Amino acid sequence: MIDSRKTGAYISRLRKEKDWTQLELADRVHVTPQAVSRWETGDSFPDVELLVQLAQIFNVSVDTLLSGEPAAARGGHGKATTGEVVTALSQGRAEQVAKMILEKEADLESVLEAAPITRPSLMDQVVEKIAGFEFTVEQIAGLAPFIGQDQLSALVDKYSGKDMDPQRLLALAPFLGQESLERLVKQVITGEVDASMLAYLAPFLSQETLDQLVGRVADGTLETGHLPGLAPFLSKTVLDGLVNQALTGKIDASLLPSLAPFLSKETLDDLVSRVAEGTLNVEHLPALAPFLSRDGLHKVLQHIGAGTISPEVIVGLAPFLDKETLVEMIRGGVSSSSG
C-alpha cells in the first residue's frame, strides 16, 4: 500500500544524504521547492513520471521509493511489482500494463495502487485494453475515482445490482452517470435489487427520476417505507403532493413525521390547522413539534383543549412547550380524568 508519508520521509532522507536543499532537488526535477516540501511532509505525492525521475536521480528502484525502505528489506514475489507497473505507466505504456494484467504477470492491485498518481486518460486506456478482465465490484469501486465516467459505466453495467451491497454502491454512486444510475433504479423497481438501495442512490439521481419513484409509491409499485430515504432530495412540489396523499388516505399518514424536516413552513402550518380542525389526528403532533413554531403549537393546543389530549401526547410535546402551557395541559388532562 502506498503511503505518502513513508515515501515523503524517504525522499527527504535521500535528499539529505546527497546534501541537497529542497531547492536543488526541485531544480533537478523541474518543480517548485514547495512541491518538494509537500512530498517530504506527505501532504502530496509525485505523479508517476516524477516518481520514476526521482528513483533515477537517487539511484534506487521505484519500489524502494513507494515502500519508503530499501528493497532488500522487503520480500519479493513472482509477479511484477507496483514499481514496475508505475515505471511502465510513466512511459505511457498502457498496452503493456494491460497485457501484464491479462497474462497474470501483474496483479490488478498494483494498478489500483498506482491509480492515484496516474493521469485519468492513461488509466482509461489501461481499463479499455483489459475489457475482458473479470473485475470484482471492490476493484471497480477502487478504480472509480481515477477513470472516466464512460469507462466506469461500462464496467458497472456488466454487473447486476444484486452484486452490490450498500457500502459498495455508496462508493460507486458519486462517480456514475445518470444512465447507469437509472438502470440501477429500474432494477429496484423490477425487484432485481433491494429497494433499500434507493437511499444510497437518491443523492445522485435527477429530479425527474426522483419524481418517477414517488409516482411508483403512489401507484403501489414501491413501498411507502422507502419515502423517508428519498425525502431530503425531493422538490417542494413533490413533498406537498405526498402530504396531500397522506391527508386523503392514499398513503399512510404515519409517514408525515419522516417528511416533516423537509416541508416548507406553509405546509407545516397547514398541517397544524388540520389538527385544529380535527382532520388530522392529534397523535401526530409530537413528531411534528420539533419543526413547528412555539406560538403555532401553543395556538393549536388552545384550540383543541387540553382535556382532549392524551398523557402520551403531552409527554411527547413537553420539550417543545413553555412551562405555562405545559402546566395548563397537565391540569386540563387531570381535570378531564377527574370528570
C-alpha atoms as a PDB file:
ATOM      1  CA  MET A   1       0.000   0.000   0.000  1.00  0.00           C
ATOM      2  CA  ILE A   2       1.417   3.384  -0.999  1.00  0.00           C
ATOM      3  CA  ASP A   3       1.878   5.670   1.989  1.00  0.00           C
ATOM      4  CA  SER A   4       2.682   9.272   1.068  1.00  0.00           C
ATOM      5  CA  ARG A   5       4.224   9.919   4.488  1.00  0.00           C
ATOM      6  CA  LYS A   6       6.665   6.995   4.250  1.00  0.00           C
ATOM      7  CA  THR A   7       7.611   7.847   0.678  1.00  0.00           C
ATOM      8  CA  GLY A   8       7.974  11.512   1.587  1.00  0.00           C
ATOM      9  CA  ALA A   9      10.181  10.775   4.569  1.00  0.00           C
ATOM     10  CA  TYR A  10      12.356   8.530   2.388  1.00  0.00           C
ATOM     11  CA  ILE A  11      12.716  11.207  -0.303  1.00  0.00           C
ATOM     12  CA  SER A  12      13.759  13.621   2.445  1.00  0.00           C
ATOM     13  CA  ARG A  13      16.307  11.111   3.756  1.00  0.00           C
ATOM     14  CA  LEU A  14      17.780  10.503   0.277  1.00  0.00           C
ATOM     15  CA  ARG A  15      17.962  14.253  -0.408  1.00  0.00           C
ATOM     16  CA  LYS A  16      19.819  14.855   2.845  1.00  0.00           C
ATOM     17  CA  GLU A  17      22.258  12.036   2.044  1.00  0.00           C
ATOM     18  CA  LYS A  18      23.062  13.948  -1.155  1.00  0.00           C
ATOM     19  CA  ASP A  19      23.397  17.139   0.932  1.00  0.00           C
ATOM     20  CA  TRP A  20      20.902  18.885  -1.367  1.00  0.00           C
ATOM     21  CA  THR A  21      18.490  21.598  -0.404  1.00  0.00           C
ATOM     22  CA  GLN A  22      14.833  21.250  -1.377  1.00  0.00           C
ATOM     23  CA  LEU A  23      15.501  23.951  -3.987  1.00  0.00           C
ATOM     24  CA  GLU A  24      18.325  21.904  -5.533  1.00  0.00           C
ATOM     25  CA  LEU A  25      16.149  18.785  -5.766  1.00  0.00           C
ATOM     26  CA  ALA A  26      13.295  20.865  -7.171  1.00  0.00           C
ATOM     27  CA  ASP A  27      15.583  22.222  -9.930  1.00  0.00           C
ATOM     28  CA  ARG A  28      16.611  18.689 -10.920  1.00  0.00           C
ATOM     29  CA  VAL A  29      13.017  17.530 -11.480  1.00  0.00           C
ATOM     30  CA  HIS A  30      11.656  20.907 -12.661  1.00  0.00           C
ATOM     31  CA  VAL A  31       9.150  21.531  -9.878  1.00  0.00           C
ATOM     32  CA  THR A  32       8.860  24.208  -7.193  1.00  0.00           C
ATOM     33  CA  PRO A  33      10.560  23.871  -3.799  1.00  0.00           C
ATOM     34  CA  GLN A  34       7.058  23.977  -2.309  1.00  0.00           C
ATOM     35  CA  ALA A  35       6.191  20.802  -4.229  1.00  0.00           C
ATOM     36  CA  VAL A  36       9.251  19.029  -2.798  1.00  0.00           C
ATOM     37  CA  SER A  37       8.298  20.236   0.678  1.00  0.00           C
ATOM     38  CA  ARG A  38       4.767  18.820   0.269  1.00  0.00           C
ATOM     39  CA  TRP A  39       6.182  15.473  -0.871  1.00  0.00           C
ATOM     40  CA  GLU A  40       8.508  15.250   2.105  1.00  0.00           C
ATOM     41  CA  THR A  41       5.758  16.017   4.620  1.00  0.00           C
ATOM     42  CA  GLY A  42       3.378  13.542   2.954  1.00  0.00           C
ATOM     43  CA  ASP A  43       0.891  16.269   2.011  1.00  0.00           C
ATOM     44  CA  SER A  44       1.125  15.315  -1.673  1.00  0.00           C
ATOM     45  CA  PHE A  45       2.669  12.627  -3.839  1.00  0.00           C
ATOM     46  CA  PRO A  46       4.783  12.800  -7.022  1.00  0.00           C
ATOM     47  CA  ASP A  47       2.968  11.592 -10.134  1.00  0.00           C
ATOM     48  CA  VAL A  48       4.268   8.507 -11.965  1.00  0.00           C
ATOM     49  CA  GLU A  49       6.630  10.420 -14.267  1.00  0.00           C
ATOM     50  CA  LEU A  50       8.224  12.331 -11.392  1.00  0.00           C
ATOM     51  CA  LEU A  51       8.422   9.210  -9.239  1.00  0.00           C
ATOM     52  CA  VAL A  52      10.497   7.470 -11.916  1.00  0.00           C
ATOM     53  CA  GLN A  53      12.717  10.550 -12.288  1.00  0.00           C
ATOM     54  CA  LEU A  54      13.307  10.642  -8.522  1.00  0.00           C
ATOM     55  CA  ALA A  55      14.207   6.942  -8.477  1.00  0.00           C
ATOM     56  CA  GLN A  56      16.775   7.548 -11.242  1.00  0.00           C
ATOM     57  CA  ILE A  57      18.236  10.615  -9.516  1.00  0.00           C
ATOM     58  CA  PHE A  58      18.677   8.771  -6.219  1.00  0.00           C
ATOM     59  CA  ASN A  59      19.719   5.516  -7.936  1.00  0.00           C
ATOM     60  CA  VAL A  60      17.066   3.426  -6.212  1.00  0.00           C
ATOM     61  CA  SER A  61      14.155   1.403  -7.541  1.00  0.00           C
ATOM     62  CA  VAL A  62      10.651   2.841  -7.820  1.00  0.00           C
ATOM     63  CA  ASP A  63       9.502   0.108  -5.421  1.00  0.00           C
ATOM     64  CA  THR A  64      12.014   1.367  -2.868  1.00  0.00           C
ATOM     65  CA  LEU A  65      10.558   4.873  -3.110  1.00  0.00           C
ATOM     66  CA  LEU A  66       6.991   3.574  -2.898  1.00  0.00           C
ATOM     67  CA  SER A  67       7.686   1.455   0.172  1.00  0.00           C
ATOM     68  CA  GLY A  68       9.878   4.020   1.885  1.00  0.00           C
ATOM     69  CA  GLU A  69      12.596   1.476   2.608  1.00  0.00           C
ATOM     70  CA  PRO A  70      15.421  -0.286   0.748  1.00  0.00           C
ATOM     71  CA  ALA A  71      14.211  -3.102  -1.480  1.00  0.00           C
ATOM     72  CA  ALA A  72      16.476  -5.593   0.308  1.00  0.00           C
ATOM     73  CA  ALA A  73      14.399  -5.165   3.457  1.00  0.00           C
ATOM     74  CA  ARG A  74      11.293  -6.499   1.710  1.00  0.00           C
ATOM     75  CA  GLY A  75      10.369  -9.920   0.416  1.00  0.00           C
ATOM     76  CA  GLY A  76       9.793 -10.281  -3.316  1.00  0.00           C
ATOM     77  CA  HIS A  77       7.170 -12.221  -5.281  1.00  0.00           C
ATOM     78  CA  GLY A  78       6.962 -13.746  -8.725  1.00  0.00           C
ATOM     79  CA  LYS A  79       4.787 -11.072 -10.315  1.00  0.00           C
ATOM     80  CA  ALA A  80       5.538  -7.554 -11.471  1.00  0.00           C
ATOM     81  CA  THR A  81       5.796  -5.099  -8.610  1.00  0.00           C
ATOM     82  CA  THR A  82       3.881  -1.864  -8.224  1.00  0.00           C
ATOM     83  CA  GLY A  83       7.106  -0.057  -9.051  1.00  0.00           C
ATOM     84  CA  GLU A  84       7.398  -1.887 -12.374  1.00  0.00           C
ATOM     85  CA  VAL A  85       3.785  -1.040 -13.182  1.00  0.00           C
ATOM     86  CA  VAL A  86       4.425   2.608 -12.284  1.00  0.00           C
ATOM     87  CA  THR A  87       7.523   2.659 -14.490  1.00  0.00           C
ATOM     88  CA  ALA A  88       5.540   1.327 -17.455  1.00  0.00           C
ATOM     89  CA  LEU A  89       2.782   3.867 -16.821  1.00  0.00           C
ATOM     90  CA  SER A  90       5.304   6.696 -16.600  1.00  0.00           C
ATOM     91  CA  GLN A  91       6.320   5.849 -20.160  1.00  0.00           C
ATOM     92  CA  GLY A  92       2.698   5.777 -21.349  1.00  0.00           C
ATOM     93  CA  ARG A  93       2.785   2.035 -21.976  1.00  0.00           C
ATOM     94  CA  ALA A  94      -0.866   1.318 -21.147  1.00  0.00           C
ATOM     95  CA  GLU A  95      -0.977  -1.637 -23.530  1.00  0.00           C
ATOM     96  CA  GLN A  96       1.994  -3.279 -21.794  1.00  0.00           C
ATOM     97  CA  VAL A  97       0.375  -2.832 -18.365  1.00  0.00           C
ATOM     98  CA  ALA A  98      -2.893  -4.285 -19.689  1.00  0.00           C
ATOM     99  CA  LYS A  99      -1.009  -7.254 -21.114  1.00  0.00           C
ATOM    100  CA  MET A 100       0.719  -7.836 -17.763  1.00  0.00           C
ATOM    101  CA  ILE A 101      -2.688  -7.978 -16.071  1.00  0.00           C
ATOM    102  CA  LEU A 102      -4.338 -10.223 -18.654  1.00  0.00           C
ATOM    103  CA  GLU A 103      -1.391 -12.634 -18.699  1.00  0.00           C
ATOM    104  CA  LYS A 104      -1.266 -12.593 -14.893  1.00  0.00           C
ATOM    105  CA  GLU A 105       2.245 -11.203 -14.847  1.00  0.00           C
ATOM    106  CA  ALA A 106       0.930  -8.475 -12.525  1.00  0.00           C
ATOM    107  CA  ASP A 107      -1.990  -8.141 -10.152  1.00  0.00           C
ATOM    108  CA  LEU A 108      -4.672  -5.524 -10.732  1.00  0.00           C
ATOM    109  CA  GLU A 109      -3.948  -4.340  -7.182  1.00  0.00           C
ATOM    110  CA  SER A 110      -0.657  -2.913  -8.488  1.00  0.00           C
ATOM    111  CA  VAL A 111      -2.607  -0.812 -10.982  1.00  0.00           C
ATOM    112  CA  LEU A 112      -5.025   0.246  -8.232  1.00  0.00           C
ATOM    113  CA  GLU A 113      -2.089   1.381  -6.093  1.00  0.00           C
ATOM    114  CA  ALA A 114      -0.676   3.390  -8.976  1.00  0.00           C
ATOM    115  CA  ALA A 115      -4.039   4.905  -9.969  1.00  0.00           C
ATOM    116  CA  PRO A 116      -3.966   7.946  -7.609  1.00  0.00           C
ATOM    117  CA  ILE A 117      -0.700   9.177  -9.149  1.00  0.00           C
ATOM    118  CA  THR A 118      -1.549   8.314 -12.780  1.00  0.00           C
ATOM    119  CA  ARG A 119      -3.304  10.549 -15.306  1.00  0.00           C
ATOM    120  CA  PRO A 120      -7.001   9.583 -15.713  1.00  0.00           C
ATOM    121  CA  SER A 121      -6.596   9.366 -19.507  1.00  0.00           C
ATOM    122  CA  LEU A 122      -3.866   6.770 -19.066  1.00  0.00           C
ATOM    123  CA  MET A 123      -5.952   4.799 -16.569  1.00  0.00           C
ATOM    124  CA  ASP A 124      -8.816   4.835 -19.084  1.00  0.00           C
ATOM    125  CA  GLN A 125      -6.513   3.302 -21.683  1.00  0.00           C
ATOM    126  CA  VAL A 126      -5.445   0.522 -19.334  1.00  0.00           C
ATOM    127  CA  VAL A 127      -9.048  -0.302 -18.379  1.00  0.00           C
ATOM    128  CA  GLU A 128     -10.166  -0.209 -22.008  1.00  0.00           C
ATOM    129  CA  LYS A 129      -7.446  -2.661 -23.013  1.00  0.00           C
ATOM    130  CA  ILE A 130      -8.370  -5.151 -20.270  1.00  0.00           C
ATOM    131  CA  ALA A 131     -12.084  -5.069 -21.066  1.00  0.00           C
ATOM    132  CA  GLY A 132     -12.211  -8.858 -20.903  1.00  0.00           C
ATOM    133  CA  PHE A 133     -10.819  -8.944 -17.381  1.00  0.00           C
ATOM    134  CA  GLU A 134     -13.227 -10.120 -14.688  1.00  0.00           C
ATOM    135  CA  PHE A 135     -13.260  -7.236 -12.244  1.00  0.00           C
ATOM    136  CA  THR A 136     -14.687  -7.640  -8.766  1.00  0.00           C
ATOM    137  CA  VAL A 137     -17.080  -4.974  -7.535  1.00  0.00           C
ATOM    138  CA  GLU A 138     -14.431  -3.951  -4.974  1.00  0.00           C
ATOM    139  CA  GLN A 139     -11.905  -3.403  -7.747  1.00  0.00           C
ATOM    140  CA  ILE A 140     -14.385  -1.324  -9.744  1.00  0.00           C
ATOM    141  CA  ALA A 141     -15.067   0.799  -6.659  1.00  0.00           C
ATOM    142  CA  GLY A 142     -11.309   1.245  -6.217  1.00  0.00           C
ATOM    143  CA  LEU A 143     -10.920   2.431  -9.807  1.00  0.00           C
ATOM    144  CA  ALA A 144     -13.989   4.711  -9.766  1.00  0.00           C
ATOM    145  CA  PRO A 145     -12.251   7.963  -8.681  1.00  0.00           C
ATOM    146  CA  PHE A 146      -9.494   7.536 -11.269  1.00  0.00           C
ATOM    147  CA  ILE A 147     -11.238   6.602 -14.530  1.00  0.00           C
ATOM    148  CA  GLY A 148     -13.715   8.387 -16.771  1.00  0.00           C
ATOM    149  CA  GLN A 149     -17.464   8.054 -16.424  1.00  0.00           C
ATOM    150  CA  ASP A 150     -17.850   6.115 -19.675  1.00  0.00           C
ATOM    151  CA  GLN A 151     -15.254   3.533 -18.676  1.00  0.00           C
ATOM    152  CA  LEU A 152     -16.774   3.185 -15.216  1.00  0.00           C
ATOM    153  CA  SER A 153     -20.292   2.776 -16.597  1.00  0.00           C
ATOM    154  CA  ALA A 154     -19.068   0.068 -18.964  1.00  0.00           C
ATOM    155  CA  LEU A 155     -17.637  -1.856 -16.009  1.00  0.00           C
ATOM    156  CA  VAL A 156     -20.657  -1.390 -13.739  1.00  0.00           C
ATOM    157  CA  ASP A 157     -23.171  -2.321 -16.434  1.00  0.00           C
ATOM    158  CA  LYS A 158     -21.732  -5.831 -16.559  1.00  0.00           C
ATOM    159  CA  TYR A 159     -22.870  -6.421 -13.008  1.00  0.00           C
ATOM    160  CA  SER A 160     -26.314  -6.939 -11.598  1.00  0.00           C
ATOM    161  CA  GLY A 161     -27.192  -4.645  -8.728  1.00  0.00           C
ATOM    162  CA  LYS A 162     -27.555  -7.825  -6.664  1.00  0.00           C
ATOM    163  CA  ASP A 163     -23.767  -7.976  -6.536  1.00  0.00           C
ATOM    164  CA  MET A 164     -23.587  -4.633  -4.760  1.00  0.00           C
ATOM    165  CA  ASP A 165     -24.114  -4.173  -1.069  1.00  0.00           C
ATOM    166  CA  PRO A 166     -24.850  -0.665   0.280  1.00  0.00           C
ATOM    167  CA  GLN A 167     -21.219   0.168   1.031  1.00  0.00           C
ATOM    168  CA  ARG A 168     -20.090  -0.759  -2.476  1.00  0.00           C
ATOM    169  CA  LEU A 169     -22.923   1.201  -4.007  1.00  0.00           C
ATOM    170  CA  LEU A 170     -22.152   4.203  -1.795  1.00  0.00           C
ATOM    171  CA  ALA A 171     -18.554   4.137  -3.054  1.00  0.00           C
ATOM    172  CA  LEU A 172     -19.607   3.924  -6.710  1.00  0.00           C
ATOM    173  CA  ALA A 173     -22.689   6.141  -6.936  1.00  0.00           C
ATOM    174  CA  PRO A 174     -20.930   9.560  -6.888  1.00  0.00           C
ATOM    175  CA  PHE A 175     -18.953   8.601  -9.995  1.00  0.00           C
ATOM    176  CA  LEU A 176     -21.739   7.038 -12.078  1.00  0.00           C
ATOM    177  CA  GLY A 177     -23.514   8.764 -14.951  1.00  0.00           C
ATOM    178  CA  GLN A 178     -27.280   9.246 -14.960  1.00  0.00           C
ATOM    179  CA  GLU A 179     -27.826   6.362 -17.397  1.00  0.00           C
ATOM    180  CA  SER A 180     -26.103   3.871 -15.087  1.00  0.00           C
ATOM    181  CA  LEU A 181     -27.935   5.255 -12.061  1.00  0.00           C
ATOM    182  CA  GLU A 182     -31.271   4.971 -13.830  1.00  0.00           C
ATOM    183  CA  ARG A 183     -30.527   1.371 -14.802  1.00  0.00           C
ATOM    184  CA  LEU A 184     -29.958   0.582 -11.125  1.00  0.00           C
ATOM    185  CA  VAL A 185     -33.231   2.311 -10.242  1.00  0.00           C
ATOM    186  CA  LYS A 186     -35.043   0.178 -12.820  1.00  0.00           C
ATOM    187  CA  GLN A 187     -33.556  -2.923 -11.186  1.00  0.00           C
ATOM    188  CA  VAL A 188     -35.003  -1.724  -7.892  1.00  0.00           C
ATOM    189  CA  ILE A 189     -38.441  -1.262  -9.450  1.00  0.00           C
ATOM    190  CA  THR A 190     -38.367  -4.721 -11.081  1.00  0.00           C
ATOM    191  CA  GLY A 191     -37.253  -6.316  -7.817  1.00  0.00           C
ATOM    192  CA  GLU A 192     -33.783  -7.313  -9.046  1.00  0.00           C
ATOM    193  CA  VAL A 193     -32.202  -5.016  -6.466  1.00  0.00           C
ATOM    194  CA  ASP A 194     -33.345  -4.478  -2.887  1.00  0.00           C
ATOM    195  CA  ALA A 195     -35.263  -1.202  -2.607  1.00  0.00           C
ATOM    196  CA  SER A 196     -33.199  -0.238   0.458  1.00  0.00           C
ATOM    197  CA  MET A 197     -30.503   0.731  -2.050  1.00  0.00           C
ATOM    198  CA  LEU A 198     -32.580   3.751  -3.103  1.00  0.00           C
ATOM    199  CA  ALA A 199     -31.421   5.706  -0.069  1.00  0.00           C
ATOM    200  CA  TYR A 200     -27.813   5.337  -1.298  1.00  0.00           C
ATOM    201  CA  LEU A 201     -28.681   6.296  -4.865  1.00  0.00           C
ATOM    202  CA  ALA A 202     -31.029   9.195  -4.030  1.00  0.00           C
ATOM    203  CA  PRO A 203     -28.402  11.993  -3.611  1.00  0.00           C
ATOM    204  CA  PHE A 204     -27.188  11.385  -7.159  1.00  0.00           C
ATOM    205  CA  LEU A 205     -30.469  10.897  -9.004  1.00  0.00           C
ATOM    206  CA  SER A 206     -32.003  13.523 -11.282  1.00  0.00           C
ATOM    207  CA  GLN A 207     -35.152  15.320 -10.129  1.00  0.00           C
ATOM    208  CA  GLU A 208     -37.082  13.603 -12.901  1.00  0.00           C
ATOM    209  CA  THR A 209     -36.035  10.145 -11.699  1.00  0.00           C
ATOM    210  CA  LEU A 210     -36.885  11.022  -8.101  1.00  0.00           C
ATOM    211  CA  ASP A 211     -40.333  12.236  -9.173  1.00  0.00           C
ATOM    212  CA  GLN A 212     -40.874   8.956 -11.027  1.00  0.00           C
ATOM    213  CA  LEU A 213     -40.008   6.994  -7.897  1.00  0.00           C
ATOM    214  CA  VAL A 214     -42.550   8.972  -5.889  1.00  0.00           C
ATOM    215  CA  GLY A 215     -45.089   8.141  -8.575  1.00  0.00           C
ATOM    216  CA  ARG A 216     -44.257   4.473  -8.050  1.00  0.00           C
ATOM    217  CA  VAL A 217     -45.154   4.895  -4.386  1.00  0.00           C
ATOM    218  CA  ALA A 218     -48.458   6.484  -5.359  1.00  0.00           C
ATOM    219  CA  ASP A 219     -49.390   3.619  -7.700  1.00  0.00           C
ATOM    220  CA  GLY A 220     -48.313   0.979  -5.201  1.00  0.00           C
ATOM    221  CA  THR A 221     -45.339  -0.495  -7.101  1.00  0.00           C
ATOM    222  CA  LEU A 222     -42.898   0.840  -4.496  1.00  0.00           C
ATOM    223  CA  GLU A 223     -43.440   0.594  -0.745  1.00  0.00           C
ATOM    224  CA  THR A 224     -44.089   3.820   1.155  1.00  0.00           C
ATOM    225  CA  GLY A 225     -41.405   2.849   3.659  1.00  0.00           C
ATOM    226  CA  HIS A 226     -38.744   3.971   1.187  1.00  0.00           C
ATOM    227  CA  LEU A 227     -40.001   7.571   1.081  1.00  0.00           C
ATOM    228  CA  PRO A 228     -38.006   8.793   4.121  1.00  0.00           C
ATOM    229  CA  GLY A 229     -34.768   7.942   2.326  1.00  0.00           C
ATOM    230  CA  LEU A 230     -35.864   9.940  -0.708  1.00  0.00           C
ATOM    231  CA  ALA A 231     -37.424  12.884   1.167  1.00  0.00           C
ATOM    232  CA  PRO A 232     -34.257  15.046   1.574  1.00  0.00           C
ATOM    233  CA  PHE A 233     -33.865  15.177  -2.194  1.00  0.00           C
ATOM    234  CA  LEU A 234     -37.461  15.789  -3.272  1.00  0.00           C
ATOM    235  CA  SER A 235     -38.777  19.106  -4.546  1.00  0.00           C
ATOM    236  CA  LYS A 236     -41.250  21.194  -2.521  1.00  0.00           C
ATOM    237  CA  THR A 237     -43.981  20.437  -5.032  1.00  0.00           C
ATOM    238  CA  VAL A 238     -43.492  16.684  -4.753  1.00  0.00           C
ATOM    239  CA  LEU A 239     -43.319  16.830  -0.943  1.00  0.00           C
ATOM    240  CA  ASP A 240     -46.539  18.838  -0.800  1.00  0.00           C
ATOM    241  CA  GLY A 241     -48.151  16.244  -3.058  1.00  0.00           C
ATOM    242  CA  LEU A 242     -47.117  13.481  -0.652  1.00  0.00           C
ATOM    243  CA  VAL A 243     -48.580  15.393   2.273  1.00  0.00           C
ATOM    244  CA  ASN A 244     -51.883  15.709   0.431  1.00  0.00           C
ATOM    245  CA  GLN A 245     -51.858  11.988  -0.275  1.00  0.00           C
ATOM    246  CA  ALA A 246     -51.262  11.314   3.422  1.00  0.00           C
ATOM    247  CA  LEU A 247     -54.131  13.600   4.389  1.00  0.00           C
ATOM    248  CA  THR A 248     -56.533  11.981   1.921  1.00  0.00           C
ATOM    249  CA  GLY A 249     -55.554   8.469   2.977  1.00  0.00           C
ATOM    250  CA  LYS A 250     -53.800   7.470  -0.248  1.00  0.00           C
ATOM    251  CA  ILE A 251     -50.611   6.790   1.700  1.00  0.00           C
ATOM    252  CA  ASP A 252     -50.105   6.131   5.399  1.00  0.00           C
ATOM    253  CA  ALA A 253     -50.237   9.360   7.447  1.00  0.00           C
ATOM    254  CA  SER A 254     -47.630   7.885   9.815  1.00  0.00           C
ATOM    255  CA  LEU A 255     -45.069   8.907   7.168  1.00  0.00           C
ATOM    256  CA  LEU A 256     -45.671  12.602   7.876  1.00  0.00           C
ATOM    257  CA  PRO A 257     -43.074  12.822  10.678  1.00  0.00           C
ATOM    258  CA  SER A 258     -40.343  11.499   8.386  1.00  0.00           C
ATOM    259  CA  LEU A 259     -41.273  14.131   5.798  1.00  0.00           C
ATOM    260  CA  ALA A 260     -41.601  16.978   8.321  1.00  0.00           C
ATOM    261  CA  PRO A 261     -37.906  18.080   8.371  1.00  0.00           C
ATOM    262  CA  PHE A 262     -38.120  18.819   4.654  1.00  0.00           C
ATOM    263  CA  LEU A 263     -41.519  20.531   4.496  1.00  0.00           C
ATOM    264  CA  SER A 264     -41.968  24.253   3.987  1.00  0.00           C
ATOM    265  CA  LYS A 265     -43.287  26.462   6.798  1.00  0.00           C
ATOM    266  CA  GLU A 266     -46.529  26.925   4.865  1.00  0.00           C
ATOM    267  CA  THR A 267     -47.097  23.184   4.600  1.00  0.00           C
ATOM    268  CA  LEU A 268     -46.325  22.661   8.290  1.00  0.00           C
ATOM    269  CA  ASP A 269     -48.731  25.459   9.233  1.00  0.00           C
ATOM    270  CA  ASP A 270     -51.391  23.765   7.116  1.00  0.00           C
ATOM    271  CA  LEU A 271     -50.826  20.500   9.000  1.00  0.00           C
ATOM    272  CA  VAL A 272     -51.253  22.333  12.306  1.00  0.00           C
ATOM    273  CA  SER A 273     -54.528  23.780  11.015  1.00  0.00           C
ATOM    274  CA  ARG A 274     -55.645  20.280  10.073  1.00  0.00           C
ATOM    275  CA  VAL A 275     -55.022  19.124  13.626  1.00  0.00           C
ATOM    276  CA  ALA A 276     -57.027  22.067  14.963  1.00  0.00           C
ATOM    277  CA  GLU A 277     -59.876  21.249  12.559  1.00  0.00           C
ATOM    278  CA  GLY A 278     -59.794  17.598  13.530  1.00  0.00           C
ATOM    279  CA  THR A 279     -58.956  16.343  10.019  1.00  0.00           C
ATOM    280  CA  LEU A 280     -55.508  15.179  11.226  1.00  0.00           C
ATOM    281  CA  ASN A 281     -55.105  13.091  14.350  1.00  0.00           C
ATOM    282  CA  VAL A 282     -53.575  14.981  17.287  1.00  0.00           C
ATOM    283  CA  GLU A 283     -51.359  11.934  17.890  1.00  0.00           C
ATOM    284  CA  HIS A 284     -49.151  13.168  15.016  1.00  0.00           C
ATOM    285  CA  LEU A 285     -48.313  16.415  16.841  1.00  0.00           C
ATOM    286  CA  PRO A 286     -45.296  15.197  18.912  1.00  0.00           C
ATOM    287  CA  ALA A 287     -43.470  14.068  15.770  1.00  0.00           C
ATOM    288  CA  LEU A 288     -44.238  17.356  14.013  1.00  0.00           C
ATOM    289  CA  ALA A 289     -43.500  19.533  17.055  1.00  0.00           C
ATOM    290  CA  PRO A 290     -39.694  19.937  16.502  1.00  0.00           C
ATOM    291  CA  PHE A 291     -40.446  21.700  13.215  1.00  0.00           C
ATOM    292  CA  LEU A 292     -43.312  23.926  14.389  1.00  0.00           C
ATOM    293  CA  SER A 293     -43.060  27.387  15.897  1.00  0.00           C
ATOM    294  CA  ARG A 294     -43.809  27.609  19.619  1.00  0.00           C
ATOM    295  CA  ASP A 295     -46.564  30.154  19.005  1.00  0.00           C
ATOM    296  CA  GLY A 296     -48.209  27.975  16.378  1.00  0.00           C
ATOM    297  CA  LEU A 297     -48.078  24.956  18.645  1.00  0.00           C
ATOM    298  CA  HIS A 298     -49.499  26.958  21.550  1.00  0.00           C
ATOM    299  CA  LYS A 299     -52.436  28.214  19.451  1.00  0.00           C
ATOM    300  CA  VAL A 300     -53.417  24.791  18.165  1.00  0.00           C
ATOM    301  CA  LEU A 301     -53.286  23.328  21.687  1.00  0.00           C
ATOM    302  CA  GLN A 302     -55.546  26.094  22.963  1.00  0.00           C
ATOM    303  CA  HIS A 303     -57.965  25.407  20.122  1.00  0.00           C
ATOM    304  CA  ILE A 304     -58.040  21.657  20.766  1.00  0.00           C
ATOM    305  CA  GLY A 305     -58.360  21.981  24.509  1.00  0.00           C
ATOM    306  CA  ALA A 306     -56.018  20.312  26.946  1.00  0.00           C
ATOM    307  CA  GLY A 307     -58.634  17.915  28.245  1.00  0.00           C
ATOM    308  CA  THR A 308     -58.880  16.099  24.919  1.00  0.00           C
ATOM    309  CA  ILE A 309     -55.145  15.330  24.656  1.00  0.00           C
ATOM    310  CA  SER A 310     -53.816  12.022  25.961  1.00  0.00           C
ATOM    311  CA  PRO A 311     -50.976  11.898  28.532  1.00  0.00           C
ATOM    312  CA  GLU A 312     -48.733  10.230  25.932  1.00  0.00           C
ATOM    313  CA  VAL A 313     -49.128  13.190  23.575  1.00  0.00           C
ATOM    314  CA  ILE A 314     -48.485  15.641  26.427  1.00  0.00           C
ATOM    315  CA  VAL A 315     -45.215  13.838  27.263  1.00  0.00           C
ATOM    316  CA  GLY A 316     -44.182  13.937  23.600  1.00  0.00           C
ATOM    317  CA  LEU A 317     -44.887  17.653  23.326  1.00  0.00           C
ATOM    318  CA  ALA A 318     -43.283  18.627  26.649  1.00  0.00           C
ATOM    319  CA  PRO A 319     -39.784  19.503  25.302  1.00  0.00           C
ATOM    320  CA  PHE A 320     -41.319  21.995  22.867  1.00  0.00           C
ATOM    321  CA  LEU A 321     -43.682  23.854  25.221  1.00  0.00           C
ATOM    322  CA  ASP A 322     -43.178  26.709  27.638  1.00  0.00           C
ATOM    323  CA  LYS A 323     -43.780  25.983  31.303  1.00  0.00           C
ATOM    324  CA  GLU A 324     -47.150  27.758  31.498  1.00  0.00           C
ATOM    325  CA  THR A 325     -48.628  25.883  28.532  1.00  0.00           C
ATOM    326  CA  LEU A 326     -47.346  22.555  29.845  1.00  0.00           C
ATOM    327  CA  VAL A 327     -48.834  23.159  33.312  1.00  0.00           C
ATOM    328  CA  GLU A 328     -52.135  24.178  31.718  1.00  0.00           C
ATOM    329  CA  MET A 329     -52.204  20.981  29.649  1.00  0.00           C
ATOM    330  CA  ILE A 330     -51.409  18.786  32.641  1.00  0.00           C
ATOM    331  CA  ARG A 331     -54.118  20.454  34.726  1.00  0.00           C
ATOM    332  CA  GLY A 332     -56.563  20.154  31.854  1.00  0.00           C
ATOM    333  CA  GLY A 333     -55.736  16.480  31.496  1.00  0.00           C
ATOM    334  CA  VAL A 334     -56.119  15.846  35.211  1.00  0.00           C
ATOM    335  CA  SER A 335     -59.459  17.732  35.339  1.00  0.00           C
ATOM    336  CA  SER A 336     -60.722  15.729  32.365  1.00  0.00           C
ATOM    337  CA  SER A 337     -59.748  12.475  34.056  1.00  0.00           C
ATOM    338  CA  SER A 338     -61.415  13.517  37.335  1.00  0.00           C
ATOM    339  CA  GLY A 339     -64.596  14.424  35.487  1.00  0.00           C
END
